[in-house]
Each structure stands twice: as structure tokens, then as C-alpha cells.
């Protein structure tokens, strides 16, 4: 199965099963055996721009998306858990920009 951006998958990469959000683009995901994901955790985390809180609309998923924990996962090692809504994906986009240190650059490009 090929996963698309915004899918939530479960993967066990050696230290127990964890949930990940697919953040790589669909063109990449369709052509390669792997995709890029960021981990979801239920553990408390500090308030950082790179950590996105899931909201009530994202239930049954709960916790935080760690946009600074980007990992490559193989399609064949994951199971589909669900999908996140567009507003949550937009917040994850912002979290990724912050995690990669390009949020200031993007703001200058946008003129904001």
C-alpha cells in the first residue's frame, strides 16, 4: 500500500509501535519505496513552534506531532491508522518550517 500526505500510520522500527504522520509529497510517495514521516507522541513536550498539538477534531488521535523528528519509513513496514484533517496539516506545515529553520525565510518570501 502506498501512503499519501496526511495519512497516519503505525510502524515498529525497533523500539515498539509508534504513530507517524506522512509529510512527504504524494509524487515522491508514489515513486519511491519510502516516505517521510513525523512521530506522534502522547508524552508532555515543551511549547515549541515545531511541536503541534492535535485537537479534538483529530480524535481518536491524541497528543503532539513532533515536526523536528523526521524519519524515513518504508511503505511495506507500516499500517494505515487514519488521516488528519487539512487544518491540522497546515499547522504541521508551519511546524516543519520551524523545525527546519526556514519559517523566517518563508515569511520574507510571503511578505509577512
C-alpha atoms as a PDB file:
ATOM      1  CA  UNK A   1       0.000   0.000   0.000  1.00  0.00           C
ATOM      2  CA  UNK A   2       1.226   3.498  -0.856  1.00  0.00           C
ATOM      3  CA  UNK A   3       0.509   6.149   1.747  1.00  0.00           C
ATOM      4  CA  UNK A   4      -0.348   9.749   0.906  1.00  0.00           C
ATOM      5  CA  UNK A   5       0.472  13.005   2.653  1.00  0.00           C
ATOM      6  CA  UNK A   6      -1.631  13.391   5.785  1.00  0.00           C
ATOM      7  CA  UNK A   7      -2.018   9.653   6.375  1.00  0.00           C
ATOM      8  CA  UNK A   8      -1.336   8.448   9.899  1.00  0.00           C
ATOM      9  CA  UNK A   9       0.482   5.136  10.014  1.00  0.00           C
ATOM     10  CA  UNK A  10       1.742   2.763  12.682  1.00  0.00           C
ATOM     11  CA  UNK A  11       5.282   1.449  12.384  1.00  0.00           C
ATOM     12  CA  UNK A  12       7.578  -0.579  14.599  1.00  0.00           C
ATOM     13  CA  UNK A  13      11.131   0.399  13.746  1.00  0.00           C
ATOM     14  CA  UNK A  14      12.795  -1.454  16.584  1.00  0.00           C
ATOM     15  CA  UNK A  15      11.501   0.091  19.801  1.00  0.00           C
ATOM     16  CA  UNK A  16       7.808  -0.661  19.752  1.00  0.00           C
ATOM     17  CA  UNK A  17       4.960   0.582  17.569  1.00  0.00           C
ATOM     18  CA  UNK A  18       4.546   4.332  17.129  1.00  0.00           C
ATOM     19  CA  UNK A  19       2.258   6.540  15.057  1.00  0.00           C
ATOM     20  CA  UNK A  20       3.654   8.765  12.309  1.00  0.00           C
ATOM     21  CA  UNK A  21       2.143  11.395  10.016  1.00  0.00           C
ATOM     22  CA  UNK A  22       3.183  11.159   6.358  1.00  0.00           C
ATOM     23  CA  UNK A  23       4.642  14.574   5.442  1.00  0.00           C
ATOM     24  CA  UNK A  24       6.393  13.896   2.138  1.00  0.00           C
ATOM     25  CA  UNK A  25       4.682  14.816  -1.110  1.00  0.00           C
ATOM     26  CA  UNK A  26       2.444  12.375  -2.941  1.00  0.00           C
ATOM     27  CA  UNK A  27       4.593  12.407  -6.107  1.00  0.00           C
ATOM     28  CA  UNK A  28       7.567  11.195  -4.055  1.00  0.00           C
ATOM     29  CA  UNK A  29       5.459   8.708  -2.134  1.00  0.00           C
ATOM     30  CA  UNK A  30       4.157   7.142  -5.349  1.00  0.00           C
ATOM     31  CA  UNK A  31       7.589   6.674  -6.913  1.00  0.00           C
ATOM     32  CA  UNK A  32       9.761   5.559  -4.002  1.00  0.00           C
ATOM     33  CA  UNK A  33       9.538   2.613  -1.600  1.00  0.00           C
ATOM     34  CA  UNK A  34       9.714   5.016   1.341  1.00  0.00           C
ATOM     35  CA  UNK A  35       8.165   8.230   2.623  1.00  0.00           C
ATOM     36  CA  UNK A  36       8.992  10.872   5.221  1.00  0.00           C
ATOM     37  CA  UNK A  37       7.058  10.872   8.461  1.00  0.00           C
ATOM     38  CA  UNK A  38       6.978  12.736  11.759  1.00  0.00           C
ATOM     39  CA  UNK A  39       6.227  10.986  15.031  1.00  0.00           C
ATOM     40  CA  UNK A  40       3.143  11.471  17.180  1.00  0.00           C
ATOM     41  CA  UNK A  41       3.642  11.250  20.933  1.00  0.00           C
ATOM     42  CA  UNK A  42       1.337  11.414  23.944  1.00  0.00           C
ATOM     43  CA  UNK A  43       4.173  12.439  26.274  1.00  0.00           C
ATOM     44  CA  UNK A  44       4.293  16.037  27.544  1.00  0.00           C
ATOM     45  CA  UNK A  45       6.560  18.272  25.464  1.00  0.00           C
ATOM     46  CA  UNK A  46       7.655  21.918  25.751  1.00  0.00           C
ATOM     47  CA  UNK A  47       5.798  24.621  23.878  1.00  0.00           C
ATOM     48  CA  UNK A  48       7.824  24.922  20.669  1.00  0.00           C
ATOM     49  CA  UNK A  49       6.780  26.008  17.190  1.00  0.00           C
ATOM     50  CA  UNK A  50       7.975  22.622  15.887  1.00  0.00           C
ATOM     51  CA  UNK A  51       5.600  20.677  18.167  1.00  0.00           C
ATOM     52  CA  UNK A  52       1.975  20.647  17.008  1.00  0.00           C
ATOM     53  CA  UNK A  53      -0.821  19.781  19.430  1.00  0.00           C
ATOM     54  CA  UNK A  54      -3.551  17.598  17.997  1.00  0.00           C
ATOM     55  CA  UNK A  55      -7.028  18.989  18.550  1.00  0.00           C
ATOM     56  CA  UNK A  56     -10.427  17.493  19.356  1.00  0.00           C
ATOM     57  CA  UNK A  57     -11.124  17.312  15.596  1.00  0.00           C
ATOM     58  CA  UNK A  58      -8.217  14.861  15.248  1.00  0.00           C
ATOM     59  CA  UNK A  59      -9.690  12.253  17.583  1.00  0.00           C
ATOM     60  CA  UNK A  60      -9.287   9.369  18.075  1.00  0.00           C
ATOM     61  CA  UNK A  61      -5.658  10.510  17.662  1.00  0.00           C
ATOM     62  CA  UNK A  62      -4.339  12.468  20.621  1.00  0.00           C
ATOM     63  CA  UNK A  63      -1.046  14.034  21.599  1.00  0.00           C
ATOM     64  CA  UNK A  64       1.565  16.055  19.792  1.00  0.00           C
ATOM     65  CA  UNK A  65       3.222  15.873  16.372  1.00  0.00           C
ATOM     66  CA  UNK A  66       6.999  16.195  16.658  1.00  0.00           C
ATOM     67  CA  UNK A  67       7.862  18.013  13.439  1.00  0.00           C
ATOM     68  CA  UNK A  68      11.556  18.009  14.377  1.00  0.00           C
ATOM     69  CA  UNK A  69      11.567  14.196  14.444  1.00  0.00           C
ATOM     70  CA  UNK A  70      11.544  13.484  10.695  1.00  0.00           C
ATOM     71  CA  UNK A  71      12.178   9.882   9.723  1.00  0.00           C
ATOM     72  CA  UNK A  72      12.203   7.808   6.535  1.00  0.00           C
ATOM     73  CA  UNK A  73       9.778   4.882   6.663  1.00  0.00           C
ATOM     74  CA  UNK A  74       9.105   2.094   4.179  1.00  0.00           C
ATOM     75  CA  UNK A  75       5.567   1.713   2.842  1.00  0.00           C
ATOM     76  CA  UNK A  76       5.647  -2.063   3.373  1.00  0.00           C
ATOM     77  CA  UNK A  77       6.557  -1.728   7.084  1.00  0.00           C
ATOM     78  CA  UNK A  78       3.558   0.442   8.023  1.00  0.00           C
ATOM     79  CA  UNK A  79      -0.160   0.053   8.628  1.00  0.00           C
ATOM     80  CA  UNK A  80      -2.746   2.752   7.991  1.00  0.00           C
ATOM     81  CA  UNK A  81      -4.243   4.187  11.188  1.00  0.00           C
ATOM     82  CA  UNK A  82      -6.211   7.127   9.761  1.00  0.00           C
ATOM     83  CA  UNK A  83      -5.902  10.601   8.227  1.00  0.00           C
ATOM     84  CA  UNK A  84      -5.504  14.093   9.597  1.00  0.00           C
ATOM     85  CA  UNK A  85      -7.693  16.986   8.502  1.00  0.00           C
ATOM     86  CA  UNK A  86      -6.395  19.871   6.357  1.00  0.00           C
ATOM     87  CA  UNK A  87      -6.317  22.427   9.221  1.00  0.00           C
ATOM     88  CA  UNK A  88      -4.052  20.093  11.188  1.00  0.00           C
ATOM     89  CA  UNK A  89      -1.839  19.522   8.145  1.00  0.00           C
ATOM     90  CA  UNK A  90      -1.456  23.309   7.767  1.00  0.00           C
ATOM     91  CA  UNK A  91      -0.283  23.521  11.389  1.00  0.00           C
ATOM     92  CA  UNK A  92       2.140  20.663  10.700  1.00  0.00           C
ATOM     93  CA  UNK A  93       3.428  22.580   7.647  1.00  0.00           C
ATOM     94  CA  UNK A  94       4.195  25.502   9.974  1.00  0.00           C
ATOM     95  CA  UNK A  95       5.821  23.110  12.450  1.00  0.00           C
ATOM     96  CA  UNK A  96       8.046  21.678   9.712  1.00  0.00           C
ATOM     97  CA  UNK A  97       9.094  25.168   8.634  1.00  0.00           C
ATOM     98  CA  UNK A  98      10.041  25.961  12.230  1.00  0.00           C
ATOM     99  CA  UNK A  99      11.848  22.634  12.706  1.00  0.00           C
ATOM    100  CA  UNK A 100      13.937  23.200   9.584  1.00  0.00           C
ATOM    101  CA  UNK A 101      14.645  26.826  10.447  1.00  0.00           C
ATOM    102  CA  UNK A 102      13.068  28.131   7.269  1.00  0.00           C
ATOM    103  CA  UNK A 103       9.994  29.782   8.779  1.00  0.00           C
ATOM    104  CA  UNK A 104      11.700  33.190   8.712  1.00  0.00           C
ATOM    105  CA  UNK A 105      12.744  32.709   5.085  1.00  0.00           C
ATOM    106  CA  UNK A 106       9.209  31.673   4.133  1.00  0.00           C
ATOM    107  CA  UNK A 107       7.766  34.696   5.938  1.00  0.00           C
ATOM    108  CA  UNK A 108      10.068  37.001   3.950  1.00  0.00           C
ATOM    109  CA  UNK A 109       9.017  35.344   0.700  1.00  0.00           C
ATOM    110  CA  UNK A 110       5.334  35.708   1.591  1.00  0.00           C
ATOM    111  CA  UNK A 111       5.936  39.288   2.681  1.00  0.00           C
ATOM    112  CA  UNK A 112       4.564  38.751   6.203  1.00  0.00           C
END
